[in-house]
């Protein structure tokens, strides 16, 4: 099962400030 969202379950190489700008 896949959960598609603007947040990651685990660690990410993308900086947090940039992830917070992702659209829902």
PDBML (XML) file of the C-alpha atoms, coordinates in Angstrom:
<?xml version="1.0" encoding="UTF-8" ?>
<PDBx:datablock datablockName="MODEL"
   xmlns:PDBx="http://pdbml.pdb.org/schema/pdbx-v50.xsd"
   xmlns:xsi="http://www.w3.org/2001/XMLSchema-instance"
   xsi:schemaLocation="http://pdbml.pdb.org/schema/pdbx-v50.xsd pdbx-v50.xsd">
   <PDBx:atom_siteCategory>
      <PDBx:atom_site id="1">
         <PDBx:B_iso_or_equiv>0.00</PDBx:B_iso_or_equiv>
         <PDBx:Cartn_x>0.000</PDBx:Cartn_x>
         <PDBx:Cartn_y>0.000</PDBx:Cartn_y>
         <PDBx:Cartn_z>0.000</PDBx:Cartn_z>
         <PDBx:auth_asym_id>A</PDBx:auth_asym_id>
         <PDBx:auth_atom_id>CA</PDBx:auth_atom_id>
         <PDBx:auth_comp_id>UNK</PDBx:auth_comp_id>
         <PDBx:auth_seq_id>1</PDBx:auth_seq_id>
         <PDBx:group_PDB>ATOM</PDBx:group_PDB>
         <PDBx:label_alt_id xsi:nil="true" />
         <PDBx:label_asym_id>A</PDBx:label_asym_id>
         <PDBx:label_atom_id>CA</PDBx:label_atom_id>
         <PDBx:label_comp_id>UNK</PDBx:label_comp_id>
         <PDBx:label_entity_id>1</PDBx:label_entity_id>
         <PDBx:label_seq_id>1</PDBx:label_seq_id>
         <PDBx:occupancy>1.00</PDBx:occupancy>
         <PDBx:pdbx_PDB_model_num>1</PDBx:pdbx_PDB_model_num>
         <PDBx:type_symbol>C</PDBx:type_symbol>
      </PDBx:atom_site>
      <PDBx:atom_site id="2">
         <PDBx:B_iso_or_equiv>0.00</PDBx:B_iso_or_equiv>
         <PDBx:Cartn_x>1.186</PDBx:Cartn_x>
         <PDBx:Cartn_y>3.509</PDBx:Cartn_y>
         <PDBx:Cartn_z>-0.944</PDBx:Cartn_z>
         <PDBx:auth_asym_id>A</PDBx:auth_asym_id>
         <PDBx:auth_atom_id>CA</PDBx:auth_atom_id>
         <PDBx:auth_comp_id>UNK</PDBx:auth_comp_id>
         <PDBx:auth_seq_id>2</PDBx:auth_seq_id>
         <PDBx:group_PDB>ATOM</PDBx:group_PDB>
         <PDBx:label_alt_id xsi:nil="true" />
         <PDBx:label_asym_id>A</PDBx:label_asym_id>
         <PDBx:label_atom_id>CA</PDBx:label_atom_id>
         <PDBx:label_comp_id>UNK</PDBx:label_comp_id>
         <PDBx:label_entity_id>1</PDBx:label_entity_id>
         <PDBx:label_seq_id>2</PDBx:label_seq_id>
         <PDBx:occupancy>1.00</PDBx:occupancy>
         <PDBx:pdbx_PDB_model_num>1</PDBx:pdbx_PDB_model_num>
         <PDBx:type_symbol>C</PDBx:type_symbol>
      </PDBx:atom_site>
      <PDBx:atom_site id="3">
         <PDBx:B_iso_or_equiv>0.00</PDBx:B_iso_or_equiv>
         <PDBx:Cartn_x>0.342</PDBx:Cartn_x>
         <PDBx:Cartn_y>6.728</PDBx:Cartn_y>
         <PDBx:Cartn_z>0.887</PDBx:Cartn_z>
         <PDBx:auth_asym_id>A</PDBx:auth_asym_id>
         <PDBx:auth_atom_id>CA</PDBx:auth_atom_id>
         <PDBx:auth_comp_id>UNK</PDBx:auth_comp_id>
         <PDBx:auth_seq_id>3</PDBx:auth_seq_id>
         <PDBx:group_PDB>ATOM</PDBx:group_PDB>
         <PDBx:label_alt_id xsi:nil="true" />
         <PDBx:label_asym_id>A</PDBx:label_asym_id>
         <PDBx:label_atom_id>CA</PDBx:label_atom_id>
         <PDBx:label_comp_id>UNK</PDBx:label_comp_id>
         <PDBx:label_entity_id>1</PDBx:label_entity_id>
         <PDBx:label_seq_id>3</PDBx:label_seq_id>
         <PDBx:occupancy>1.00</PDBx:occupancy>
         <PDBx:pdbx_PDB_model_num>1</PDBx:pdbx_PDB_model_num>
         <PDBx:type_symbol>C</PDBx:type_symbol>
      </PDBx:atom_site>
      <PDBx:atom_site id="4">
         <PDBx:B_iso_or_equiv>0.00</PDBx:B_iso_or_equiv>
         <PDBx:Cartn_x>0.820</PDBx:Cartn_x>
         <PDBx:Cartn_y>9.777</PDBx:Cartn_y>
         <PDBx:Cartn_z>-1.321</PDBx:Cartn_z>
         <PDBx:auth_asym_id>A</PDBx:auth_asym_id>
         <PDBx:auth_atom_id>CA</PDBx:auth_atom_id>
         <PDBx:auth_comp_id>UNK</PDBx:auth_comp_id>
         <PDBx:auth_seq_id>4</PDBx:auth_seq_id>
         <PDBx:group_PDB>ATOM</PDBx:group_PDB>
         <PDBx:label_alt_id xsi:nil="true" />
         <PDBx:label_asym_id>A</PDBx:label_asym_id>
         <PDBx:label_atom_id>CA</PDBx:label_atom_id>
         <PDBx:label_comp_id>UNK</PDBx:label_comp_id>
         <PDBx:label_entity_id>1</PDBx:label_entity_id>
         <PDBx:label_seq_id>4</PDBx:label_seq_id>
         <PDBx:occupancy>1.00</PDBx:occupancy>
         <PDBx:pdbx_PDB_model_num>1</PDBx:pdbx_PDB_model_num>
         <PDBx:type_symbol>C</PDBx:type_symbol>
      </PDBx:atom_site>
      <PDBx:atom_site id="5">
         <PDBx:B_iso_or_equiv>0.00</PDBx:B_iso_or_equiv>
         <PDBx:Cartn_x>1.232</PDBx:Cartn_x>
         <PDBx:Cartn_y>13.075</PDBx:Cartn_y>
         <PDBx:Cartn_z>0.551</PDBx:Cartn_z>
         <PDBx:auth_asym_id>A</PDBx:auth_asym_id>
         <PDBx:auth_atom_id>CA</PDBx:auth_atom_id>
         <PDBx:auth_comp_id>UNK</PDBx:auth_comp_id>
         <PDBx:auth_seq_id>5</PDBx:auth_seq_id>
         <PDBx:group_PDB>ATOM</PDBx:group_PDB>
         <PDBx:label_alt_id xsi:nil="true" />
         <PDBx:label_asym_id>A</PDBx:label_asym_id>
         <PDBx:label_atom_id>CA</PDBx:label_atom_id>
         <PDBx:label_comp_id>UNK</PDBx:label_comp_id>
         <PDBx:label_entity_id>1</PDBx:label_entity_id>
         <PDBx:label_seq_id>5</PDBx:label_seq_id>
         <PDBx:occupancy>1.00</PDBx:occupancy>
         <PDBx:pdbx_PDB_model_num>1</PDBx:pdbx_PDB_model_num>
         <PDBx:type_symbol>C</PDBx:type_symbol>
      </PDBx:atom_site>
      <PDBx:atom_site id="6">
         <PDBx:B_iso_or_equiv>0.00</PDBx:B_iso_or_equiv>
         <PDBx:Cartn_x>3.496</PDBx:Cartn_x>
         <PDBx:Cartn_y>16.088</PDBx:Cartn_y>
         <PDBx:Cartn_z>0.931</PDBx:Cartn_z>
         <PDBx:auth_asym_id>A</PDBx:auth_asym_id>
         <PDBx:auth_atom_id>CA</PDBx:auth_atom_id>
         <PDBx:auth_comp_id>UNK</PDBx:auth_comp_id>
         <PDBx:auth_seq_id>6</PDBx:auth_seq_id>
         <PDBx:group_PDB>ATOM</PDBx:group_PDB>
         <PDBx:label_alt_id xsi:nil="true" />
         <PDBx:label_asym_id>A</PDBx:label_asym_id>
         <PDBx:label_atom_id>CA</PDBx:label_atom_id>
         <PDBx:label_comp_id>UNK</PDBx:label_comp_id>
         <PDBx:label_entity_id>1</PDBx:label_entity_id>
         <PDBx:label_seq_id>6</PDBx:label_seq_id>
         <PDBx:occupancy>1.00</PDBx:occupancy>
         <PDBx:pdbx_PDB_model_num>1</PDBx:pdbx_PDB_model_num>
         <PDBx:type_symbol>C</PDBx:type_symbol>
      </PDBx:atom_site>
      <PDBx:atom_site id="7">
         <PDBx:B_iso_or_equiv>0.00</PDBx:B_iso_or_equiv>
         <PDBx:Cartn_x>5.314</PDBx:Cartn_x>
         <PDBx:Cartn_y>14.561</PDBx:Cartn_y>
         <PDBx:Cartn_z>3.920</PDBx:Cartn_z>
         <PDBx:auth_asym_id>A</PDBx:auth_asym_id>
         <PDBx:auth_atom_id>CA</PDBx:auth_atom_id>
         <PDBx:auth_comp_id>UNK</PDBx:auth_comp_id>
         <PDBx:auth_seq_id>7</PDBx:auth_seq_id>
         <PDBx:group_PDB>ATOM</PDBx:group_PDB>
         <PDBx:label_alt_id xsi:nil="true" />
         <PDBx:label_asym_id>A</PDBx:label_asym_id>
         <PDBx:label_atom_id>CA</PDBx:label_atom_id>
         <PDBx:label_comp_id>UNK</PDBx:label_comp_id>
         <PDBx:label_entity_id>1</PDBx:label_entity_id>
         <PDBx:label_seq_id>7</PDBx:label_seq_id>
         <PDBx:occupancy>1.00</PDBx:occupancy>
         <PDBx:pdbx_PDB_model_num>1</PDBx:pdbx_PDB_model_num>
         <PDBx:type_symbol>C</PDBx:type_symbol>
      </PDBx:atom_site>
      <PDBx:atom_site id="8">
         <PDBx:B_iso_or_equiv>0.00</PDBx:B_iso_or_equiv>
         <PDBx:Cartn_x>7.701</PDBx:Cartn_x>
         <PDBx:Cartn_y>11.619</PDBx:Cartn_y>
         <PDBx:Cartn_z>4.113</PDBx:Cartn_z>
         <PDBx:auth_asym_id>A</PDBx:auth_asym_id>
         <PDBx:auth_atom_id>CA</PDBx:auth_atom_id>
         <PDBx:auth_comp_id>UNK</PDBx:auth_comp_id>
         <PDBx:auth_seq_id>8</PDBx:auth_seq_id>
         <PDBx:group_PDB>ATOM</PDBx:group_PDB>
         <PDBx:label_alt_id xsi:nil="true" />
         <PDBx:label_asym_id>A</PDBx:label_asym_id>
         <PDBx:label_atom_id>CA</PDBx:label_atom_id>
         <PDBx:label_comp_id>UNK</PDBx:label_comp_id>
         <PDBx:label_entity_id>1</PDBx:label_entity_id>
         <PDBx:label_seq_id>8</PDBx:label_seq_id>
         <PDBx:occupancy>1.00</PDBx:occupancy>
         <PDBx:pdbx_PDB_model_num>1</PDBx:pdbx_PDB_model_num>
         <PDBx:type_symbol>C</PDBx:type_symbol>
      </PDBx:atom_site>
      <PDBx:atom_site id="9">
         <PDBx:B_iso_or_equiv>0.00</PDBx:B_iso_or_equiv>
         <PDBx:Cartn_x>7.474</PDBx:Cartn_x>
         <PDBx:Cartn_y>8.687</PDBx:Cartn_y>
         <PDBx:Cartn_z>6.537</PDBx:Cartn_z>
         <PDBx:auth_asym_id>A</PDBx:auth_asym_id>
         <PDBx:auth_atom_id>CA</PDBx:auth_atom_id>
         <PDBx:auth_comp_id>UNK</PDBx:auth_comp_id>
         <PDBx:auth_seq_id>9</PDBx:auth_seq_id>
         <PDBx:group_PDB>ATOM</PDBx:group_PDB>
         <PDBx:label_alt_id xsi:nil="true" />
         <PDBx:label_asym_id>A</PDBx:label_asym_id>
         <PDBx:label_atom_id>CA</PDBx:label_atom_id>
         <PDBx:label_comp_id>UNK</PDBx:label_comp_id>
         <PDBx:label_entity_id>1</PDBx:label_entity_id>
         <PDBx:label_seq_id>9</PDBx:label_seq_id>
         <PDBx:occupancy>1.00</PDBx:occupancy>
         <PDBx:pdbx_PDB_model_num>1</PDBx:pdbx_PDB_model_num>
         <PDBx:type_symbol>C</PDBx:type_symbol>
      </PDBx:atom_site>
      <PDBx:atom_site id="10">
         <PDBx:B_iso_or_equiv>0.00</PDBx:B_iso_or_equiv>
         <PDBx:Cartn_x>11.244</PDBx:Cartn_x>
         <PDBx:Cartn_y>8.560</PDBx:Cartn_y>
         <PDBx:Cartn_z>6.860</PDBx:Cartn_z>
         <PDBx:auth_asym_id>A</PDBx:auth_asym_id>
         <PDBx:auth_atom_id>CA</PDBx:auth_atom_id>
         <PDBx:auth_comp_id>UNK</PDBx:auth_comp_id>
         <PDBx:auth_seq_id>10</PDBx:auth_seq_id>
         <PDBx:group_PDB>ATOM</PDBx:group_PDB>
         <PDBx:label_alt_id xsi:nil="true" />
         <PDBx:label_asym_id>A</PDBx:label_asym_id>
         <PDBx:label_atom_id>CA</PDBx:label_atom_id>
         <PDBx:label_comp_id>UNK</PDBx:label_comp_id>
         <PDBx:label_entity_id>1</PDBx:label_entity_id>
         <PDBx:label_seq_id>10</PDBx:label_seq_id>
         <PDBx:occupancy>1.00</PDBx:occupancy>
         <PDBx:pdbx_PDB_model_num>1</PDBx:pdbx_PDB_model_num>
         <PDBx:type_symbol>C</PDBx:type_symbol>
      </PDBx:atom_site>
      <PDBx:atom_site id="11">
         <PDBx:B_iso_or_equiv>0.00</PDBx:B_iso_or_equiv>
         <PDBx:Cartn_x>14.236</PDBx:Cartn_x>
         <PDBx:Cartn_y>10.875</PDBx:Cartn_y>
         <PDBx:Cartn_z>6.532</PDBx:Cartn_z>
         <PDBx:auth_asym_id>A</PDBx:auth_asym_id>
         <PDBx:auth_atom_id>CA</PDBx:auth_atom_id>
         <PDBx:auth_comp_id>UNK</PDBx:auth_comp_id>
         <PDBx:auth_seq_id>11</PDBx:auth_seq_id>
         <PDBx:group_PDB>ATOM</PDBx:group_PDB>
         <PDBx:label_alt_id xsi:nil="true" />
         <PDBx:label_asym_id>A</PDBx:label_asym_id>
         <PDBx:label_atom_id>CA</PDBx:label_atom_id>
         <PDBx:label_comp_id>UNK</PDBx:label_comp_id>
         <PDBx:label_entity_id>1</PDBx:label_entity_id>
         <PDBx:label_seq_id>11</PDBx:label_seq_id>
         <PDBx:occupancy>1.00</PDBx:occupancy>
         <PDBx:pdbx_PDB_model_num>1</PDBx:pdbx_PDB_model_num>
         <PDBx:type_symbol>C</PDBx:type_symbol>
      </PDBx:atom_site>
      <PDBx:atom_site id="12">
         <PDBx:B_iso_or_equiv>0.00</PDBx:B_iso_or_equiv>
         <PDBx:Cartn_x>14.570</PDBx:Cartn_x>
         <PDBx:Cartn_y>12.888</PDBx:Cartn_y>
         <PDBx:Cartn_z>3.328</PDBx:Cartn_z>
         <PDBx:auth_asym_id>A</PDBx:auth_asym_id>
         <PDBx:auth_atom_id>CA</PDBx:auth_atom_id>
         <PDBx:auth_comp_id>UNK</PDBx:auth_comp_id>
         <PDBx:auth_seq_id>12</PDBx:auth_seq_id>
         <PDBx:group_PDB>ATOM</PDBx:group_PDB>
         <PDBx:label_alt_id xsi:nil="true" />
         <PDBx:label_asym_id>A</PDBx:label_asym_id>
         <PDBx:label_atom_id>CA</PDBx:label_atom_id>
         <PDBx:label_comp_id>UNK</PDBx:label_comp_id>
         <PDBx:label_entity_id>1</PDBx:label_entity_id>
         <PDBx:label_seq_id>12</PDBx:label_seq_id>
         <PDBx:occupancy>1.00</PDBx:occupancy>
         <PDBx:pdbx_PDB_model_num>1</PDBx:pdbx_PDB_model_num>
         <PDBx:type_symbol>C</PDBx:type_symbol>
      </PDBx:atom_site>
      <PDBx:atom_site id="13">
         <PDBx:B_iso_or_equiv>0.00</PDBx:B_iso_or_equiv>
         <PDBx:Cartn_x>17.469</PDBx:Cartn_x>
         <PDBx:Cartn_y>14.583</PDBx:Cartn_y>
         <PDBx:Cartn_z>1.516</PDBx:Cartn_z>
         <PDBx:auth_asym_id>A</PDBx:auth_asym_id>
         <PDBx:auth_atom_id>CA</PDBx:auth_atom_id>
         <PDBx:auth_comp_id>UNK</PDBx:auth_comp_id>
         <PDBx:auth_seq_id>13</PDBx:auth_seq_id>
         <PDBx:group_PDB>ATOM</PDBx:group_PDB>
         <PDBx:label_alt_id xsi:nil="true" />
         <PDBx:label_asym_id>A</PDBx:label_asym_id>
         <PDBx:label_atom_id>CA</PDBx:label_atom_id>
         <PDBx:label_comp_id>UNK</PDBx:label_comp_id>
         <PDBx:label_entity_id>1</PDBx:label_entity_id>
         <PDBx:label_seq_id>13</PDBx:label_seq_id>
         <PDBx:occupancy>1.00</PDBx:occupancy>
         <PDBx:pdbx_PDB_model_num>1</PDBx:pdbx_PDB_model_num>
         <PDBx:type_symbol>C</PDBx:type_symbol>
      </PDBx:atom_site>
      <PDBx:atom_site id="14">
         <PDBx:B_iso_or_equiv>0.00</PDBx:B_iso_or_equiv>
         <PDBx:Cartn_x>15.210</PDBx:Cartn_x>
         <PDBx:Cartn_y>17.541</PDBx:Cartn_y>
         <PDBx:Cartn_z>0.741</PDBx:Cartn_z>
         <PDBx:auth_asym_id>A</PDBx:auth_asym_id>
         <PDBx:auth_atom_id>CA</PDBx:auth_atom_id>
         <PDBx:auth_comp_id>UNK</PDBx:auth_comp_id>
         <PDBx:auth_seq_id>14</PDBx:auth_seq_id>
         <PDBx:group_PDB>ATOM</PDBx:group_PDB>
         <PDBx:label_alt_id xsi:nil="true" />
         <PDBx:label_asym_id>A</PDBx:label_asym_id>
         <PDBx:label_atom_id>CA</PDBx:label_atom_id>
         <PDBx:label_comp_id>UNK</PDBx:label_comp_id>
         <PDBx:label_entity_id>1</PDBx:label_entity_id>
         <PDBx:label_seq_id>14</PDBx:label_seq_id>
         <PDBx:occupancy>1.00</PDBx:occupancy>
         <PDBx:pdbx_PDB_model_num>1</PDBx:pdbx_PDB_model_num>
         <PDBx:type_symbol>C</PDBx:type_symbol>
      </PDBx:atom_site>
      <PDBx:atom_site id="15">
         <PDBx:B_iso_or_equiv>0.00</PDBx:B_iso_or_equiv>
         <PDBx:Cartn_x>15.616</PDBx:Cartn_x>
         <PDBx:Cartn_y>20.375</PDBx:Cartn_y>
         <PDBx:Cartn_z>3.284</PDBx:Cartn_z>
         <PDBx:auth_asym_id>A</PDBx:auth_asym_id>
         <PDBx:auth_atom_id>CA</PDBx:auth_atom_id>
         <PDBx:auth_comp_id>UNK</PDBx:auth_comp_id>
         <PDBx:auth_seq_id>15</PDBx:auth_seq_id>
         <PDBx:group_PDB>ATOM</PDBx:group_PDB>
         <PDBx:label_alt_id xsi:nil="true" />
         <PDBx:label_asym_id>A</PDBx:label_asym_id>
         <PDBx:label_atom_id>CA</PDBx:label_atom_id>
         <PDBx:label_comp_id>UNK</PDBx:label_comp_id>
         <PDBx:label_entity_id>1</PDBx:label_entity_id>
         <PDBx:label_seq_id>15</PDBx:label_seq_id>
         <PDBx:occupancy>1.00</PDBx:occupancy>
         <PDBx:pdbx_PDB_model_num>1</PDBx:pdbx_PDB_model_num>
         <PDBx:type_symbol>C</PDBx:type_symbol>
      </PDBx:atom_site>
      <PDBx:atom_site id="16">
         <PDBx:B_iso_or_equiv>0.00</PDBx:B_iso_or_equiv>
         <PDBx:Cartn_x>12.735</PDBx:Cartn_x>
         <PDBx:Cartn_y>20.878</PDBx:Cartn_y>
         <PDBx:Cartn_z>5.678</PDBx:Cartn_z>
         <PDBx:auth_asym_id>A</PDBx:auth_asym_id>
         <PDBx:auth_atom_id>CA</PDBx:auth_atom_id>
         <PDBx:auth_comp_id>UNK</PDBx:auth_comp_id>
         <PDBx:auth_seq_id>16</PDBx:auth_seq_id>
         <PDBx:group_PDB>ATOM</PDBx:group_PDB>
         <PDBx:label_alt_id xsi:nil="true" />
         <PDBx:label_asym_id>A</PDBx:label_asym_id>
         <PDBx:label_atom_id>CA</PDBx:label_atom_id>
         <PDBx:label_comp_id>UNK</PDBx:label_comp_id>
         <PDBx:label_entity_id>1</PDBx:label_entity_id>
         <PDBx:label_seq_id>16</PDBx:label_seq_id>
         <PDBx:occupancy>1.00</PDBx:occupancy>
         <PDBx:pdbx_PDB_model_num>1</PDBx:pdbx_PDB_model_num>
         <PDBx:type_symbol>C</PDBx:type_symbol>
      </PDBx:atom_site>
      <PDBx:atom_site id="17">
         <PDBx:B_iso_or_equiv>0.00</PDBx:B_iso_or_equiv>
         <PDBx:Cartn_x>12.111</PDBx:Cartn_x>
         <PDBx:Cartn_y>24.473</PDBx:Cartn_y>
         <PDBx:Cartn_z>4.589</PDBx:Cartn_z>
         <PDBx:auth_asym_id>A</PDBx:auth_asym_id>
         <PDBx:auth_atom_id>CA</PDBx:auth_atom_id>
         <PDBx:auth_comp_id>UNK</PDBx:auth_comp_id>
         <PDBx:auth_seq_id>17</PDBx:auth_seq_id>
         <PDBx:group_PDB>ATOM</PDBx:group_PDB>
         <PDBx:label_alt_id xsi:nil="true" />
         <PDBx:label_asym_id>A</PDBx:label_asym_id>
         <PDBx:label_atom_id>CA</PDBx:label_atom_id>
         <PDBx:label_comp_id>UNK</PDBx:label_comp_id>
         <PDBx:label_entity_id>1</PDBx:label_entity_id>
         <PDBx:label_seq_id>17</PDBx:label_seq_id>
         <PDBx:occupancy>1.00</PDBx:occupancy>
         <PDBx:pdbx_PDB_model_num>1</PDBx:pdbx_PDB_model_num>
         <PDBx:type_symbol>C</PDBx:type_symbol>
      </PDBx:atom_site>
      <PDBx:atom_site id="18">
         <PDBx:B_iso_or_equiv>0.00</PDBx:B_iso_or_equiv>
         <PDBx:Cartn_x>11.600</PDBx:Cartn_x>
         <PDBx:Cartn_y>23.261</PDBx:Cartn_y>
         <PDBx:Cartn_z>1.033</PDBx:Cartn_z>
         <PDBx:auth_asym_id>A</PDBx:auth_asym_id>
         <PDBx:auth_atom_id>CA</PDBx:auth_atom_id>
         <PDBx:auth_comp_id>UNK</PDBx:auth_comp_id>
         <PDBx:auth_seq_id>18</PDBx:auth_seq_id>
         <PDBx:group_PDB>ATOM</PDBx:group_PDB>
         <PDBx:label_alt_id xsi:nil="true" />
         <PDBx:label_asym_id>A</PDBx:label_asym_id>
         <PDBx:label_atom_id>CA</PDBx:label_atom_id>
         <PDBx:label_comp_id>UNK</PDBx:label_comp_id>
         <PDBx:label_entity_id>1</PDBx:label_entity_id>
         <PDBx:label_seq_id>18</PDBx:label_seq_id>
         <PDBx:occupancy>1.00</PDBx:occupancy>
         <PDBx:pdbx_PDB_model_num>1</PDBx:pdbx_PDB_model_num>
         <PDBx:type_symbol>C</PDBx:type_symbol>
      </PDBx:atom_site>
      <PDBx:atom_site id="19">
         <PDBx:B_iso_or_equiv>0.00</PDBx:B_iso_or_equiv>
         <PDBx:Cartn_x>9.341</PDBx:Cartn_x>
         <PDBx:Cartn_y>20.366</PDBx:Cartn_y>
         <PDBx:Cartn_z>2.059</PDBx:Cartn_z>
         <PDBx:auth_asym_id>A</PDBx:auth_asym_id>
         <PDBx:auth_atom_id>CA</PDBx:auth_atom_id>
         <PDBx:auth_comp_id>UNK</PDBx:auth_comp_id>
         <PDBx:auth_seq_id>19</PDBx:auth_seq_id>
         <PDBx:group_PDB>ATOM</PDBx:group_PDB>
         <PDBx:label_alt_id xsi:nil="true" />
         <PDBx:label_asym_id>A</PDBx:label_asym_id>
         <PDBx:label_atom_id>CA</PDBx:label_atom_id>
         <PDBx:label_comp_id>UNK</PDBx:label_comp_id>
         <PDBx:label_entity_id>1</PDBx:label_entity_id>
         <PDBx:label_seq_id>19</PDBx:label_seq_id>
         <PDBx:occupancy>1.00</PDBx:occupancy>
         <PDBx:pdbx_PDB_model_num>1</PDBx:pdbx_PDB_model_num>
         <PDBx:type_symbol>C</PDBx:type_symbol>
      </PDBx:atom_site>
      <PDBx:atom_site id="20">
         <PDBx:B_iso_or_equiv>0.00</PDBx:B_iso_or_equiv>
         <PDBx:Cartn_x>7.110</PDBx:Cartn_x>
         <PDBx:Cartn_y>22.778</PDBx:Cartn_y>
         <PDBx:Cartn_z>3.965</PDBx:Cartn_z>
         <PDBx:auth_asym_id>A</PDBx:auth_asym_id>
         <PDBx:auth_atom_id>CA</PDBx:auth_atom_id>
         <PDBx:auth_comp_id>UNK</PDBx:auth_comp_id>
         <PDBx:auth_seq_id>20</PDBx:auth_seq_id>
         <PDBx:group_PDB>ATOM</PDBx:group_PDB>
         <PDBx:label_alt_id xsi:nil="true" />
         <PDBx:label_asym_id>A</PDBx:label_asym_id>
         <PDBx:label_atom_id>CA</PDBx:label_atom_id>
         <PDBx:label_comp_id>UNK</PDBx:label_comp_id>
         <PDBx:label_entity_id>1</PDBx:label_entity_id>
         <PDBx:label_seq_id>20</PDBx:label_seq_id>
         <PDBx:occupancy>1.00</PDBx:occupancy>
         <PDBx:pdbx_PDB_model_num>1</PDBx:pdbx_PDB_model_num>
         <PDBx:type_symbol>C</PDBx:type_symbol>
      </PDBx:atom_site>
      <PDBx:atom_site id="21">
         <PDBx:B_iso_or_equiv>0.00</PDBx:B_iso_or_equiv>
         <PDBx:Cartn_x>6.440</PDBx:Cartn_x>
         <PDBx:Cartn_y>24.581</PDBx:Cartn_y>
         <PDBx:Cartn_z>0.679</PDBx:Cartn_z>
         <PDBx:auth_asym_id>A</PDBx:auth_asym_id>
         <PDBx:auth_atom_id>CA</PDBx:auth_atom_id>
         <PDBx:auth_comp_id>UNK</PDBx:auth_comp_id>
         <PDBx:auth_seq_id>21</PDBx:auth_seq_id>
         <PDBx:group_PDB>ATOM</PDBx:group_PDB>
         <PDBx:label_alt_id xsi:nil="true" />
         <PDBx:label_asym_id>A</PDBx:label_asym_id>
         <PDBx:label_atom_id>CA</PDBx:label_atom_id>
         <PDBx:label_comp_id>UNK</PDBx:label_comp_id>
         <PDBx:label_entity_id>1</PDBx:label_entity_id>
         <PDBx:label_seq_id>21</PDBx:label_seq_id>
         <PDBx:occupancy>1.00</PDBx:occupancy>
         <PDBx:pdbx_PDB_model_num>1</PDBx:pdbx_PDB_model_num>
         <PDBx:type_symbol>C</PDBx:type_symbol>
      </PDBx:atom_site>
      <PDBx:atom_site id="22">
         <PDBx:B_iso_or_equiv>0.00</PDBx:B_iso_or_equiv>
         <PDBx:Cartn_x>5.156</PDBx:Cartn_x>
         <PDBx:Cartn_y>21.450</PDBx:Cartn_y>
         <PDBx:Cartn_z>-1.072</PDBx:Cartn_z>
         <PDBx:auth_asym_id>A</PDBx:auth_asym_id>
         <PDBx:auth_atom_id>CA</PDBx:auth_atom_id>
         <PDBx:auth_comp_id>UNK</PDBx:auth_comp_id>
         <PDBx:auth_seq_id>22</PDBx:auth_seq_id>
         <PDBx:group_PDB>ATOM</PDBx:group_PDB>
         <PDBx:label_alt_id xsi:nil="true" />
         <PDBx:label_asym_id>A</PDBx:label_asym_id>
         <PDBx:label_atom_id>CA</PDBx:label_atom_id>
         <PDBx:label_comp_id>UNK</PDBx:label_comp_id>
         <PDBx:label_entity_id>1</PDBx:label_entity_id>
         <PDBx:label_seq_id>22</PDBx:label_seq_id>
         <PDBx:occupancy>1.00</PDBx:occupancy>
         <PDBx:pdbx_PDB_model_num>1</PDBx:pdbx_PDB_model_num>
         <PDBx:type_symbol>C</PDBx:type_symbol>
      </PDBx:atom_site>
      <PDBx:atom_site id="23">
         <PDBx:B_iso_or_equiv>0.00</PDBx:B_iso_or_equiv>
         <PDBx:Cartn_x>1.458</PDBx:Cartn_x>
         <PDBx:Cartn_y>21.581</PDBx:Cartn_y>
         <PDBx:Cartn_z>-2.018</PDBx:Cartn_z>
         <PDBx:auth_asym_id>A</PDBx:auth_asym_id>
         <PDBx:auth_atom_id>CA</PDBx:auth_atom_id>
         <PDBx:auth_comp_id>UNK</PDBx:auth_comp_id>
         <PDBx:auth_seq_id>23</PDBx:auth_seq_id>
         <PDBx:group_PDB>ATOM</PDBx:group_PDB>
         <PDBx:label_alt_id xsi:nil="true" />
         <PDBx:label_asym_id>A</PDBx:label_asym_id>
         <PDBx:label_atom_id>CA</PDBx:label_atom_id>
         <PDBx:label_comp_id>UNK</PDBx:label_comp_id>
         <PDBx:label_entity_id>1</PDBx:label_entity_id>
         <PDBx:label_seq_id>23</PDBx:label_seq_id>
         <PDBx:occupancy>1.00</PDBx:occupancy>
         <PDBx:pdbx_PDB_model_num>1</PDBx:pdbx_PDB_model_num>
         <PDBx:type_symbol>C</PDBx:type_symbol>
      </PDBx:atom_site>
      <PDBx:atom_site id="24">
         <PDBx:B_iso_or_equiv>0.00</PDBx:B_iso_or_equiv>
         <PDBx:Cartn_x>-1.039</PDBx:Cartn_x>
         <PDBx:Cartn_y>19.161</PDBx:Cartn_y>
         <PDBx:Cartn_z>-0.516</PDBx:Cartn_z>
         <PDBx:auth_asym_id>A</PDBx:auth_asym_id>
         <PDBx:auth_atom_id>CA</PDBx:auth_atom_id>
         <PDBx:auth_comp_id>UNK</PDBx:auth_comp_id>
         <PDBx:auth_seq_id>24</PDBx:auth_seq_id>
         <PDBx:group_PDB>ATOM</PDBx:group_PDB>
         <PDBx:label_alt_id xsi:nil="true" />
         <PDBx:label_asym_id>A</PDBx:label_asym_id>
         <PDBx:label_atom_id>CA</PDBx:label_atom_id>
         <PDBx:label_comp_id>UNK</PDBx:label_comp_id>
         <PDBx:label_entity_id>1</PDBx:label_entity_id>
         <PDBx:label_seq_id>24</PDBx:label_seq_id>
         <PDBx:occupancy>1.00</PDBx:occupancy>
         <PDBx:pdbx_PDB_model_num>1</PDBx:pdbx_PDB_model_num>
         <PDBx:type_symbol>C</PDBx:type_symbol>
      </PDBx:atom_site>
   </PDBx:atom_siteCategory>
</PDBx:datablock>
